[in-house]
Amino acid sequence: MAKATPLRSGDELAGVAAKDATEHVAAQMTLADVPLKTFLNDVVVDYETDEITRLIIDEHDLAAFAPISHFTVGDFRNWLLGEEATTQSLKALASGLTPEMVAAVSKIMRNQDLIYVASKCEVVTQFRNTIGLKGHLSTRLQPNHPTDDVLGISASILDGLMYGNGDAVIGINPATDNLHNLSELLKLLDHVIQEYQIPTQSCVLTHISSGIQLAEKNVPIDLMFQSIAGTQLANEGFGISLDLLQEGYEATLALKRGTIGQNVMYFETGQGSALSSNAHHGVDQQTLETRAYAVARKYNPLLVNTVVGFIGPEYLFNGKQIIRAGLEDHFCGKLLGVPMGCDICYTNHADADQNDMDVLLTLFGAAGINFIMGIPGSDDVMLNYQTTSFHDALYLRQLLGLKPAPEFSAWLEQQGIFKQQNSQICWADHMPDQFSRLLMN
């Protein structure tokens, strides 16, 4: 599995990468001949000591797996690229796939294969709007501020809404992670959404233990957030377990804040997280990343987001590796039935630039990604990394004729922010007067 993975710096750091192209191709050829059933008996992380492995094996749907149970990894690739792999058949298959099966097949696929197959998948979720429909692209409006200044956050929210951002979630990474500050930020977001009747949801990306405490105080939490990884040991490094995730899931469901659905969880992942905490068990980073999607899938999330280039060049060295990893993550998540988005990003010490992100952004549009990030000027001034801007989402929607979530799209037209022109959503040429109140208040 590791040696069949396209080259990346994290696997080299872990000492599991192929030593050269010859060994890499030999590993791919060997992997292609492995029966899919093997992954149900020969696990990559020990069943007895890892609760993620137990989750994967114990909740595997044999009936859903049956139609392809006789396939090898190579057969599976050929089937995915064929006409029998339709949107409907892929949806029916999802619960019959394990992360290791999906990771394995991704390792013998070219970028165009990953894009094409992912484009056939449709994973739809709902809270106050509908995310993931074909022909639509949603965005997380990320109004981070280095001091959590309410005026600065409000200005970013206004800016993002004017570009049609925010239908996936308006989500803040807090600079100060205490309960009072978290509560005030959540109340701010709730006020904006309720005041302007915006069909979207909010999230403050704090640790789930803090989120549970806030939910118990009836603070207005729409989505419960947590970063997750693909091994029990890595999740322990995050201070979480499956039991704690279940507690957070149930606490958020109990608030009953969704209007058209109850997908209440928001998870973030990223290749290299297990290796960075020495919790990788000698397994390559892409396989472990895919195992994190099995964790996410258990809790019916609204959003799952691979923060693809954020962990740094130690794990994904340059633009080429970031692009490949992003396409892998999206493909694997969608096959497993997970509502995948991506923070198309890089750190300033990586060998990557905004042109690389433009390429990945455009490829994701073709692949049918559920959502991307929208941040003022592509530069997160609190987390200090480079990602996609409000303008980037507008570019992709205009280029490919993609629309925001249907309910959010109707709201944008109602407010005069967007308008229909030649059956496409276009940016209006003025600011609606009522939005001046957002900053003044």
Foldseek 3Di string as FASTA:
>chain_A
DQQLAPDALQCVVLVRYNPDPVSNVVVLVVQQQAQQVVCLPDPLDDPVPWVLNVLQNVQADVVLQVVCNRHGLNRVLVVLPDPVLAQVNLLSNQSNDGLLSLLSNLSNDDLVSLLVSLLRYFFWAFFLFIFGDPQAAAAAQEQEDQQLDLLSSLVSVLVLVLLVHAALEPEYAHNDPDLVSLLVVLVLVVCVCVVLVFSHAYYYADDLVSVLVCLVVVRDAQAREDEFWQTQVLVVVSVDDLVSVVSSLVSNVVSVNGDPHRQHYEYEYEFPSCVVVPNQSSDHRLSGRLSRLSSVVVSNHSEYEYAYALVASSTGAALVSSLSSVSSNSSSNSSNSHQYDYFLWHAPPHHYDVVSSLVSLLSCLSSRHRYYYAYDPQANPNSHIGTHHSVSVSVSCVVSQGHHGPSNRVSCVVQQQWDADPNGTHGGDDHRPVSVVSSVD
